Amino acid sequence: MNGVSGSQCRLRQLEHTTKMADTGTPQRPARGGKHPPKESSGLLMSVIRTLSASESNEQRDREKARLEREYHKSDQRLDQLITTHDQSLKDVMQVCVLIYYS
């Protein structure tokens, strides 16, 4: 990638899209509330333990249904975020391509 890391690309994109205040000082874009990320391996191990400890197929089916519901909700949320930030995502991709080929 011509020696440009992903963080450098994000920094350049941030510099490109950051609005300037009247004083000329860059302002950090507002961020939505973030929840601490769950450790994916820990979550996977928890699911495996739950399914392994299930005493019946009915219990496993309930856990599977719960996981499918949560996956579906996450998928919908991701689609919503992509739709909401479509232009920003396109802009970032264009900037990264320009940096990559420069």
PDB file of N, CA and C in Angstrom:
ATOM      1  N   MET A   1       0.831  -1.195   0.000  1.00  0.00           N
ATOM      2  CA  MET A   1       0.000   0.000   0.000  1.00  0.00           C
ATOM      3  C   MET A   1       0.869   1.248   0.000  1.00  0.00           C
ATOM      4  N   ASN A   2       1.996   1.172  -0.631  1.00  0.00           N
ATOM      5  CA  ASN A   2       2.911   2.291  -0.766  1.00  0.00           C
ATOM      6  C   ASN A   2       3.335   2.859   0.576  1.00  0.00           C
ATOM      7  N   GLY A   3       3.461   2.022   1.607  1.00  0.00           N
ATOM      8  CA  GLY A   3       3.939   2.466   2.904  1.00  0.00           C
ATOM      9  C   GLY A   3       2.934   3.251   3.727  1.00  0.00           C
ATOM     10  N   VAL A   4       1.678   3.288   3.321  1.00  0.00           N
ATOM     11  CA  VAL A   4       0.665   4.023   4.061  1.00  0.00           C
ATOM     12  C   VAL A   4      -0.178   3.022   4.832  1.00  0.00           C
ATOM     13  N   SER A   5      -0.180   3.161   6.153  1.00  0.00           N
ATOM     14  CA  SER A   5      -0.956   2.231   6.973  1.00  0.00           C
ATOM     15  C   SER A   5      -2.418   2.648   6.988  1.00  0.00           C
ATOM     16  N   GLY A   6      -3.256   1.747   7.462  1.00  0.00           N
ATOM     17  CA  GLY A   6      -4.683   2.039   7.570  1.00  0.00           C
ATOM     18  C   GLY A   6      -4.947   3.218   8.486  1.00  0.00           C
ATOM     19  N   SER A   7      -4.187   3.317   9.584  1.00  0.00           N
ATOM     20  CA  SER A   7      -4.399   4.434  10.512  1.00  0.00           C
ATOM     21  C   SER A   7      -3.991   5.755   9.863  1.00  0.00           C
ATOM     22  N   GLN A   8      -2.944   5.723   9.039  1.00  0.00           N
ATOM     23  CA  GLN A   8      -2.555   6.943   8.334  1.00  0.00           C
ATOM     24  C   GLN A   8      -3.638   7.349   7.346  1.00  0.00           C
ATOM     25  N   CYS A   9      -4.235   6.360   6.695  1.00  0.00           N
ATOM     26  CA  CYS A   9      -5.312   6.642   5.748  1.00  0.00           C
ATOM     27  C   CYS A   9      -6.494   7.270   6.476  1.00  0.00           C
ATOM     28  N   ARG A  10      -6.839   6.699   7.647  1.00  0.00           N
ATOM     29  CA  ARG A  10      -7.954   7.245   8.418  1.00  0.00           C
ATOM     30  C   ARG A  10      -7.636   8.656   8.899  1.00  0.00           C
ATOM     31  N   LEU A  11      -6.384   8.889   9.310  1.00  0.00           N
ATOM     32  CA  LEU A  11      -5.983  10.210   9.774  1.00  0.00           C
ATOM     33  C   LEU A  11      -6.095  11.225   8.644  1.00  0.00           C
ATOM     34  N   ARG A  12      -5.597  10.856   7.474  1.00  0.00           N
ATOM     35  CA  ARG A  12      -5.689  11.774   6.331  1.00  0.00           C
ATOM     36  C   ARG A  12      -7.140  12.038   5.953  1.00  0.00           C
ATOM     37  N   GLN A  13      -7.973  10.999   6.025  1.00  0.00           N
ATOM     38  CA  GLN A  13      -9.388  11.183   5.719  1.00  0.00           C
ATOM     39  C   GLN A  13     -10.018  12.105   6.751  1.00  0.00           C
ATOM     40  N   LEU A  14      -9.670  11.935   8.023  1.00  0.00           N
ATOM     41  CA  LEU A  14     -10.202  12.784   9.084  1.00  0.00           C
ATOM     42  C   LEU A  14      -9.766  14.225   8.864  1.00  0.00           C
ATOM     43  N   GLU A  15      -8.505  14.420   8.506  1.00  0.00           N
ATOM     44  CA  GLU A  15      -8.015  15.768   8.236  1.00  0.00           C
ATOM     45  C   GLU A  15      -8.762  16.380   7.056  1.00  0.00           C
ATOM     46  N   HIS A  16      -9.079  15.549   6.079  1.00  0.00           N
ATOM     47  CA  HIS A  16      -9.774  16.007   4.879  1.00  0.00           C
ATOM     48  C   HIS A  16     -11.211  16.405   5.180  1.00  0.00           C
ATOM     49  N   THR A  17     -11.879  15.652   6.053  1.00  0.00           N
ATOM     50  CA  THR A  17     -13.303  15.878   6.276  1.00  0.00           C
ATOM     51  C   THR A  17     -13.618  16.673   7.529  1.00  0.00           C
ATOM     52  N   THR A  18     -12.623  16.943   8.380  1.00  0.00           N
ATOM     53  CA  THR A  18     -12.870  17.668   9.621  1.00  0.00           C
ATOM     54  C   THR A  18     -13.222  19.114   9.306  1.00  0.00           C
ATOM     55  N   LYS A  19     -14.297  19.580   9.893  1.00  0.00           N
ATOM     56  CA  LYS A  19     -14.716  20.966   9.691  1.00  0.00           C
ATOM     57  C   LYS A  19     -13.870  21.869  10.578  1.00  0.00           C
ATOM     58  N   MET A  20     -13.579  23.032  10.069  1.00  0.00           N
ATOM     59  CA  MET A  20     -12.764  23.972  10.822  1.00  0.00           C
ATOM     60  C   MET A  20     -13.685  24.946  11.558  1.00  0.00           C
ATOM     61  N   ALA A  21     -13.348  25.244  12.800  1.00  0.00           N
ATOM     62  CA  ALA A  21     -14.084  26.236  13.579  1.00  0.00           C
ATOM     63  C   ALA A  21     -13.657  27.620  13.106  1.00  0.00           C
ATOM     64  N   ASP A  22     -14.340  28.653  13.601  1.00  0.00           N
ATOM     65  CA  ASP A  22     -14.000  30.019  13.223  1.00  0.00           C
ATOM     66  C   ASP A  22     -12.551  30.349  13.566  1.00  0.00           C
ATOM     67  N   THR A  23     -12.000  29.724  14.596  1.00  0.00           N
ATOM     68  CA  THR A  23     -10.623  29.993  15.006  1.00  0.00           C
ATOM     69  C   THR A  23      -9.612  29.246  14.150  1.00  0.00           C
ATOM     70  N   GLY A  24     -10.087  28.378  13.261  1.00  0.00           N
ATOM     71  CA  GLY A  24      -9.183  27.603  12.439  1.00  0.00           C
ATOM     72  C   GLY A  24      -8.709  26.338  13.114  1.00  0.00           C
ATOM     73  N   THR A  25      -9.240  26.055  14.296  1.00  0.00           N
ATOM     74  CA  THR A  25      -8.850  24.858  15.034  1.00  0.00           C
ATOM     75  C   THR A  25      -9.690  23.677  14.571  1.00  0.00           C
ATOM     76  N   PRO A  26      -9.059  22.571  14.213  1.00  0.00           N
ATOM     77  CA  PRO A  26      -9.845  21.410  13.789  1.00  0.00           C
ATOM     78  C   PRO A  26     -10.723  20.909  14.931  1.00  0.00           C
ATOM     79  N   GLN A  27     -11.931  20.515  14.595  1.00  0.00           N
ATOM     80  CA  GLN A  27     -12.871  19.980  15.570  1.00  0.00           C
ATOM     81  C   GLN A  27     -13.081  18.502  15.296  1.00  0.00           C
ATOM     82  N   ARG A  28     -12.970  17.703  16.333  1.00  0.00           N
ATOM     83  CA  ARG A  28     -13.186  16.258  16.207  1.00  0.00           C
ATOM     84  C   ARG A  28     -14.667  16.013  15.914  1.00  0.00           C
ATOM     85  N   PRO A  29     -14.988  15.129  14.963  1.00  0.00           N
ATOM     86  CA  PRO A  29     -16.394  14.844  14.666  1.00  0.00           C
ATOM     87  C   PRO A  29     -17.067  14.199  15.867  1.00  0.00           C
ATOM     88  N   ALA A  30     -18.372  14.456  16.009  1.00  0.00           N
ATOM     89  CA  ALA A  30     -19.142  13.866  17.106  1.00  0.00           C
ATOM     90  C   ALA A  30     -19.190  12.355  16.929  1.00  0.00           C
ATOM     91  N   ARG A  31     -19.097  11.653  18.026  1.00  0.00           N
ATOM     92  CA  ARG A  31     -19.156  10.193  17.988  1.00  0.00           C
ATOM     93  C   ARG A  31     -20.392   9.743  18.732  1.00  0.00           C
ATOM     94  N   GLY A  32     -20.996   8.678  18.228  1.00  0.00           N
ATOM     95  CA  GLY A  32     -22.139   8.097  18.912  1.00  0.00           C
ATOM     96  C   GLY A  32     -21.679   7.374  20.157  1.00  0.00           C
ATOM     97  N   GLY A  33     -22.613   7.090  21.042  1.00  0.00           N
ATOM     98  CA  GLY A  33     -22.280   6.338  22.247  1.00  0.00           C
ATOM     99  C   GLY A  33     -21.769   4.966  21.877  1.00  0.00           C
ATOM    100  N   LYS A  34     -20.641   4.608  22.438  1.00  0.00           N
ATOM    101  CA  LYS A  34     -20.067   3.302  22.126  1.00  0.00           C
ATOM    102  C   LYS A  34     -20.128   2.429  23.352  1.00  0.00           C
ATOM    103  N   HIS A  35     -20.381   1.199  23.124  1.00  0.00           N
ATOM    104  CA  HIS A  35     -20.335   0.217  24.188  1.00  0.00           C
ATOM    105  C   HIS A  35     -18.999  -0.489  24.084  1.00  0.00           C
ATOM    106  N   PRO A  36     -18.408  -0.863  25.215  1.00  0.00           N
ATOM    107  CA  PRO A  36     -17.136  -1.574  25.126  1.00  0.00           C
ATOM    108  C   PRO A  36     -17.309  -2.852  24.317  1.00  0.00           C
ATOM    109  N   PRO A  37     -16.407  -3.094  23.378  1.00  0.00           N
ATOM    110  CA  PRO A  37     -16.557  -4.293  22.549  1.00  0.00           C
ATOM    111  C   PRO A  37     -16.394  -5.555  23.379  1.00  0.00           C
ATOM    112  N   LYS A  38     -17.250  -6.520  23.085  1.00  0.00           N
ATOM    113  CA  LYS A  38     -17.116  -7.808  23.755  1.00  0.00           C
ATOM    114  C   LYS A  38     -15.976  -8.559  23.089  1.00  0.00           C
ATOM    115  N   GLU A  39     -15.239  -9.264  23.874  1.00  0.00           N
ATOM    116  CA  GLU A  39     -14.161 -10.062  23.322  1.00  0.00           C
ATOM    117  C   GLU A  39     -14.800 -11.201  22.543  1.00  0.00           C
ATOM    118  N   SER A  40     -14.568 -11.244  21.240  1.00  0.00           N
ATOM    119  CA  SER A  40     -15.260 -12.213  20.390  1.00  0.00           C
ATOM    120  C   SER A  40     -14.949 -13.650  20.772  1.00  0.00           C
ATOM    121  N   SER A  41     -13.721 -13.929  21.149  1.00  0.00           N
ATOM    122  CA  SER A  41     -13.393 -15.306  21.520  1.00  0.00           C
ATOM    123  C   SER A  41     -14.107 -15.694  22.807  1.00  0.00           C
ATOM    124  N   GLY A  42     -14.247 -14.757  23.737  1.00  0.00           N
ATOM    125  CA  GLY A  42     -14.970 -15.021  24.977  1.00  0.00           C
ATOM    126  C   GLY A  42     -16.440 -15.279  24.722  1.00  0.00           C
ATOM    127  N   LEU A  43     -17.018 -14.512  23.806  1.00  0.00           N
ATOM    128  CA  LEU A  43     -18.421 -14.707  23.450  1.00  0.00           C
ATOM    129  C   LEU A  43     -18.623 -16.065  22.799  1.00  0.00           C
ATOM    130  N   LEU A  44     -17.725 -16.421  21.898  1.00  0.00           N
ATOM    131  CA  LEU A  44     -17.817 -17.718  21.232  1.00  0.00           C
ATOM    132  C   LEU A  44     -17.708 -18.855  22.243  1.00  0.00           C
ATOM    133  N   MET A  45     -16.777 -18.741  23.163  1.00  0.00           N
ATOM    134  CA  MET A  45     -16.617 -19.781  24.187  1.00  0.00           C
ATOM    135  C   MET A  45     -17.864 -19.883  25.055  1.00  0.00           C
ATOM    136  N   SER A  46     -18.483 -18.754  25.348  1.00  0.00           N
ATOM    137  CA  SER A  46     -19.711 -18.756  26.143  1.00  0.00           C
ATOM    138  C   SER A  46     -20.828 -19.493  25.412  1.00  0.00           C
ATOM    139  N   VAL A  47     -20.949 -19.252  24.114  1.00  0.00           N
ATOM    140  CA  VAL A  47     -21.968 -19.937  23.312  1.00  0.00           C
ATOM    141  C   VAL A  47     -21.694 -21.435  23.286  1.00  0.00           C
ATOM    142  N   ILE A  48     -20.438 -21.807  23.090  1.00  0.00           N
ATOM    143  CA  ILE A  48     -20.080 -23.231  23.053  1.00  0.00           C
ATOM    144  C   ILE A  48     -20.392 -23.892  24.389  1.00  0.00           C
ATOM    145  N   ARG A  49     -20.044 -23.215  25.492  1.00  0.00           N
ATOM    146  CA  ARG A  49     -20.341 -23.781  26.820  1.00  0.00           C
ATOM    147  C   ARG A  49     -21.841 -23.954  27.019  1.00  0.00           C
ATOM    148  N   THR A  50     -22.617 -22.939  26.626  1.00  0.00           N
ATOM    149  CA  THR A  50     -24.069 -23.006  26.791  1.00  0.00           C
ATOM    150  C   THR A  50     -24.647 -24.159  25.994  1.00  0.00           C
ATOM    151  N   LEU A  51     -24.205 -24.285  24.742  1.00  0.00           N
ATOM    152  CA  LEU A  51     -24.736 -25.363  23.906  1.00  0.00           C
ATOM    153  C   LEU A  51     -24.274 -26.729  24.402  1.00  0.00           C
ATOM    154  N   SER A  52     -23.046 -26.814  24.884  1.00  0.00           N
ATOM    155  CA  SER A  52     -22.530 -28.091  25.393  1.00  0.00           C
ATOM    156  C   SER A  52     -23.244 -28.508  26.672  1.00  0.00           C
ATOM    157  N   ALA A  53     -23.574 -27.532  27.507  1.00  0.00           N
ATOM    158  CA  ALA A  53     -24.215 -27.835  28.789  1.00  0.00           C
ATOM    159  C   ALA A  53     -25.717 -28.059  28.648  1.00  0.00           C
ATOM    160  N   SER A  54     -26.261 -27.739  27.486  1.00  0.00           N
ATOM    161  CA  SER A  54     -27.701 -27.915  27.276  1.00  0.00           C
ATOM    162  C   SER A  54     -28.060 -29.377  27.426  1.00  0.00           C
ATOM    163  N   GLU A  55     -29.090 -29.610  28.205  1.00  0.00           N
ATOM    164  CA  GLU A  55     -29.473 -30.990  28.478  1.00  0.00           C
ATOM    165  C   GLU A  55     -30.439 -31.546  27.452  1.00  0.00           C
ATOM    166  N   SER A  56     -30.993 -30.676  26.637  1.00  0.00           N
ATOM    167  CA  SER A  56     -31.971 -31.180  25.670  1.00  0.00           C
ATOM    168  C   SER A  56     -31.821 -30.444  24.341  1.00  0.00           C
ATOM    169  N   ASN A  57     -32.365 -31.061  23.321  1.00  0.00           N
ATOM    170  CA  ASN A  57     -32.378 -30.413  22.006  1.00  0.00           C
ATOM    171  C   ASN A  57     -33.227 -29.151  22.053  1.00  0.00           C
ATOM    172  N   GLU A  58     -34.260 -29.167  22.875  1.00  0.00           N
ATOM    173  CA  GLU A  58     -35.135 -28.000  22.995  1.00  0.00           C
ATOM    174  C   GLU A  58     -34.352 -26.796  23.523  1.00  0.00           C
ATOM    175  N   GLN A  59     -33.509 -27.021  24.513  1.00  0.00           N
ATOM    176  CA  GLN A  59     -32.673 -25.953  25.063  1.00  0.00           C
ATOM    177  C   GLN A  59     -31.691 -25.436  24.009  1.00  0.00           C
ATOM    178  N   ARG A  60     -31.100 -26.333  23.254  1.00  0.00           N
ATOM    179  CA  ARG A  60     -30.177 -25.927  22.185  1.00  0.00           C
ATOM    180  C   ARG A  60     -30.916 -25.132  21.111  1.00  0.00           C
ATOM    181  N   ASP A  61     -32.121 -25.575  20.792  1.00  0.00           N
ATOM    182  CA  ASP A  61     -32.905 -24.865  19.776  1.00  0.00           C
ATOM    183  C   ASP A  61     -33.263 -23.451  20.240  1.00  0.00           C
ATOM    184  N   ARG A  62     -33.579 -23.300  21.529  1.00  0.00           N
ATOM    185  CA  ARG A  62     -33.881 -21.961  22.061  1.00  0.00           C
ATOM    186  C   ARG A  62     -32.650 -21.059  21.967  1.00  0.00           C
ATOM    187  N   GLU A  63     -31.497 -21.601  22.333  1.00  0.00           N
ATOM    188  CA  GLU A  63     -30.258 -20.819  22.260  1.00  0.00           C
ATOM    189  C   GLU A  63     -29.932 -20.470  20.808  1.00  0.00           C
ATOM    190  N   LYS A  64     -30.128 -21.406  19.912  1.00  0.00           N
ATOM    191  CA  LYS A  64     -29.882 -21.151  18.491  1.00  0.00           C
ATOM    192  C   LYS A  64     -30.817 -20.055  17.987  1.00  0.00           C
ATOM    193  N   ALA A  65     -32.092 -20.111  18.379  1.00  0.00           N
ATOM    194  CA  ALA A  65     -33.061 -19.092  17.955  1.00  0.00           C
ATOM    195  C   ALA A  65     -32.671 -17.717  18.500  1.00  0.00           C
ATOM    196  N   ARG A  66     -32.212 -17.681  19.759  1.00  0.00           N
ATOM    197  CA  ARG A  66     -31.786 -16.416  20.355  1.00  0.00           C
ATOM    198  C   ARG A  66     -30.596 -15.839  19.590  1.00  0.00           C
ATOM    199  N   LEU A  67     -29.627 -16.684  19.275  1.00  0.00           N
ATOM    200  CA  LEU A  67     -28.454 -16.228  18.524  1.00  0.00           C
ATOM    201  C   LEU A  67     -28.843 -15.730  17.138  1.00  0.00           C
ATOM    202  N   GLU A  68     -29.765 -16.411  16.490  1.00  0.00           N
ATOM    203  CA  GLU A  68     -30.217 -15.982  15.160  1.00  0.00           C
ATOM    204  C   GLU A  68     -30.926 -14.633  15.235  1.00  0.00           C
ATOM    205  N   ARG A  69     -31.737 -14.416  16.285  1.00  0.00           N
ATOM    206  CA  ARG A  69     -32.407 -13.117  16.459  1.00  0.00           C
ATOM    207  C   ARG A  69     -31.378 -12.003  16.645  1.00  0.00           C
ATOM    208  N   GLU A  70     -30.381 -12.255  17.492  1.00  0.00           N
ATOM    209  CA  GLU A  70     -29.346 -11.254  17.739  1.00  0.00           C
ATOM    210  C   GLU A  70     -28.538 -10.968  16.470  1.00  0.00           C
ATOM    211  N   TYR A  71     -28.237 -12.017  15.710  1.00  0.00           N
ATOM    212  CA  TYR A  71     -27.514 -11.838  14.448  1.00  0.00           C
ATOM    213  C   TYR A  71     -28.342 -10.978  13.496  1.00  0.00           C
ATOM    214  N   HIS A  72     -29.634 -11.260  13.421  1.00  0.00           N
ATOM    215  CA  HIS A  72     -30.524 -10.516  12.530  1.00  0.00           C
ATOM    216  C   HIS A  72     -30.571  -9.036  12.946  1.00  0.00           C
ATOM    217  N   LYS A  73     -30.659  -8.771  14.250  1.00  0.00           N
ATOM    218  CA  LYS A  73     -30.667  -7.389  14.732  1.00  0.00           C
ATOM    219  C   LYS A  73     -29.363  -6.687  14.384  1.00  0.00           C
ATOM    220  N   SER A  74     -28.245  -7.372  14.552  1.00  0.00           N
ATOM    221  CA  SER A  74     -26.940  -6.786  14.216  1.00  0.00           C
ATOM    222  C   SER A  74     -26.844  -6.496  12.724  1.00  0.00           C
ATOM    223  N   ASP A  75     -27.345  -7.411  11.912  1.00  0.00           N
ATOM    224  CA  ASP A  75     -27.329  -7.243  10.463  1.00  0.00           C
ATOM    225  C   ASP A  75     -28.161  -6.029  10.054  1.00  0.00           C
ATOM    226  N   GLN A  76     -29.339  -5.876  10.660  1.00  0.00           N
ATOM    227  CA  GLN A  76     -30.187  -4.721  10.360  1.00  0.00           C
ATOM    228  C   GLN A  76     -29.499  -3.422  10.776  1.00  0.00           C
ATOM    229  N   ARG A  77     -28.863  -3.434  11.941  1.00  0.00           N
ATOM    230  CA  ARG A  77     -28.175  -2.237  12.435  1.00  0.00           C
ATOM    231  C   ARG A  77     -27.026  -1.856  11.501  1.00  0.00           C
ATOM    232  N   LEU A  78     -26.279  -2.845  11.046  1.00  0.00           N
ATOM    233  CA  LEU A  78     -25.188  -2.584  10.111  1.00  0.00           C
ATOM    234  C   LEU A  78     -25.724  -1.996   8.806  1.00  0.00           C
ATOM    235  N   ASP A  79     -26.803  -2.566   8.279  1.00  0.00           N
ATOM    236  CA  ASP A  79     -27.418  -2.026   7.062  1.00  0.00           C
ATOM    237  C   ASP A  79     -27.853  -0.578   7.265  1.00  0.00           C
ATOM    238  N   GLN A  80     -28.444  -0.299   8.430  1.00  0.00           N
ATOM    239  CA  GLN A  80     -28.898   1.055   8.734  1.00  0.00           C
ATOM    240  C   GLN A  80     -27.716   2.029   8.778  1.00  0.00           C
ATOM    241  N   LEU A  81     -26.641   1.625   9.429  1.00  0.00           N
ATOM    242  CA  LEU A  81     -25.464   2.494   9.522  1.00  0.00           C
ATOM    243  C   LEU A  81     -24.839   2.737   8.151  1.00  0.00           C
ATOM    244  N   ILE A  82     -24.773   1.711   7.334  1.00  0.00           N
ATOM    245  CA  ILE A  82     -24.212   1.866   5.988  1.00  0.00           C
ATOM    246  C   ILE A  82     -25.063   2.819   5.169  1.00  0.00           C
ATOM    247  N   THR A  83     -26.383   2.675   5.266  1.00  0.00           N
ATOM    248  CA  THR A  83     -27.287   3.558   4.536  1.00  0.00           C
ATOM    249  C   THR A  83     -27.147   4.997   5.021  1.00  0.00           C
ATOM    250  N   THR A  84     -27.095   5.173   6.328  1.00  0.00           N
ATOM    251  CA  THR A  84     -26.991   6.509   6.916  1.00  0.00           C
ATOM    252  C   THR A  84     -25.683   7.198   6.533  1.00  0.00           C
ATOM    253  N   HIS A  85     -24.609   6.445   6.488  1.00  0.00           N
ATOM    254  CA  HIS A  85     -23.283   7.026   6.252  1.00  0.00           C
ATOM    255  C   HIS A  85     -22.732   6.684   4.870  1.00  0.00           C
ATOM    256  N   ASP A  86     -23.612   6.440   3.929  1.00  0.00           N
ATOM    257  CA  ASP A  86     -23.215   6.012   2.588  1.00  0.00           C
ATOM    258  C   ASP A  86     -22.211   6.967   1.948  1.00  0.00           C
ATOM    259  N   GLN A  87     -22.517   8.254   1.950  1.00  0.00           N
ATOM    260  CA  GLN A  87     -21.630   9.208   1.285  1.00  0.00           C
ATOM    261  C   GLN A  87     -20.286   9.294   1.992  1.00  0.00           C
ATOM    262  N   SER A  88     -20.291   9.275   3.307  1.00  0.00           N
ATOM    263  CA  SER A  88     -19.027   9.315   4.057  1.00  0.00           C
ATOM    264  C   SER A  88     -18.168   8.101   3.737  1.00  0.00           C
ATOM    265  N   LEU A  89     -18.792   6.937   3.660  1.00  0.00           N
ATOM    266  CA  LEU A  89     -18.048   5.722   3.325  1.00  0.00           C
ATOM    267  C   LEU A  89     -17.446   5.818   1.926  1.00  0.00           C
ATOM    268  N   LYS A  90     -18.218   6.344   0.982  1.00  0.00           N
ATOM    269  CA  LYS A  90     -17.703   6.511  -0.384  1.00  0.00           C
ATOM    270  C   LYS A  90     -16.521   7.476  -0.393  1.00  0.00           C
ATOM    271  N   ASP A  91     -16.656   8.575   0.358  1.00  0.00           N
ATOM    272  CA  ASP A  91     -15.574   9.566   0.422  1.00  0.00           C
ATOM    273  C   ASP A  91     -14.299   8.955   0.996  1.00  0.00           C
ATOM    274  N   VAL A  92     -14.442   8.201   2.076  1.00  0.00           N
ATOM    275  CA  VAL A  92     -13.280   7.563   2.703  1.00  0.00           C
ATOM    276  C   VAL A  92     -12.615   6.603   1.731  1.00  0.00           C
ATOM    277  N   MET A  93     -13.416   5.822   1.033  1.00  0.00           N
ATOM    278  CA  MET A  93     -12.852   4.866   0.078  1.00  0.00           C
ATOM    279  C   MET A  93     -12.102   5.590  -1.037  1.00  0.00           C
ATOM    280  N   GLN A  94     -12.662   6.701  -1.522  1.00  0.00           N
ATOM    281  CA  GLN A  94     -11.992   7.457  -2.579  1.00  0.00           C
ATOM    282  C   GLN A  94     -10.671   8.037  -2.085  1.00  0.00           C
ATOM    283  N   VAL A  95     -10.664   8.565  -0.866  1.00  0.00           N
ATOM    284  CA  VAL A  95      -9.432   9.122  -0.302  1.00  0.00           C
ATOM    285  C   VAL A  95      -8.382   8.026  -0.143  1.00  0.00           C
ATOM    286  N   CYS A  96      -8.799   6.873   0.356  1.00  0.00           N
ATOM    287  CA  CYS A  96      -7.850   5.764   0.531  1.00  0.00           C
ATOM    288  C   CYS A  96      -7.274   5.308  -0.804  1.00  0.00           C
ATOM    289  N   VAL A  97      -8.099   5.270  -1.837  1.00  0.00           N
ATOM    290  CA  VAL A  97      -7.612   4.884  -3.167  1.00  0.00           C
ATOM    291  C   VAL A  97      -6.607   5.917  -3.667  1.00  0.00           C
ATOM    292  N   LEU A  98      -6.920   7.199  -3.468  1.00  0.00           N
ATOM    293  CA  LEU A  98      -5.987   8.250  -3.891  1.00  0.00           C
ATOM    294  C   LEU A  98      -4.653   8.127  -3.162  1.00  0.00           C
ATOM    295  N   ILE A  99      -4.709   7.863  -1.874  1.00  0.00           N
ATOM    296  CA  ILE A  99      -3.482   7.713  -1.090  1.00  0.00           C
ATOM    297  C   ILE A  99      -2.715   6.483  -1.547  1.00  0.00           C
ATOM    298  N   TYR A 100      -3.428   5.400  -1.785  1.00  0.00           N
ATOM    299  CA  TYR A 100      -2.799   4.145  -2.197  1.00  0.00           C
ATOM    300  C   TYR A 100      -2.025   4.319  -3.500  1.00  0.00           C
ATOM    301  N   TYR A 101      -2.622   5.029  -4.453  1.00  0.00           N
ATOM    302  CA  TYR A 101      -1.993   5.160  -5.768  1.00  0.00           C
ATOM    303  C   TYR A 101      -1.098   6.396  -5.889  1.00  0.00           C
ATOM    304  N   SER A 102      -0.950   7.164  -4.805  1.00  0.00           N
ATOM    305  CA  SER A 102      -0.099   8.363  -4.911  1.00  0.00           C
ATOM    306  C   SER A 102       1.345   8.048  -4.591  1.00  0.00           C
TER     307      SER A 102
END
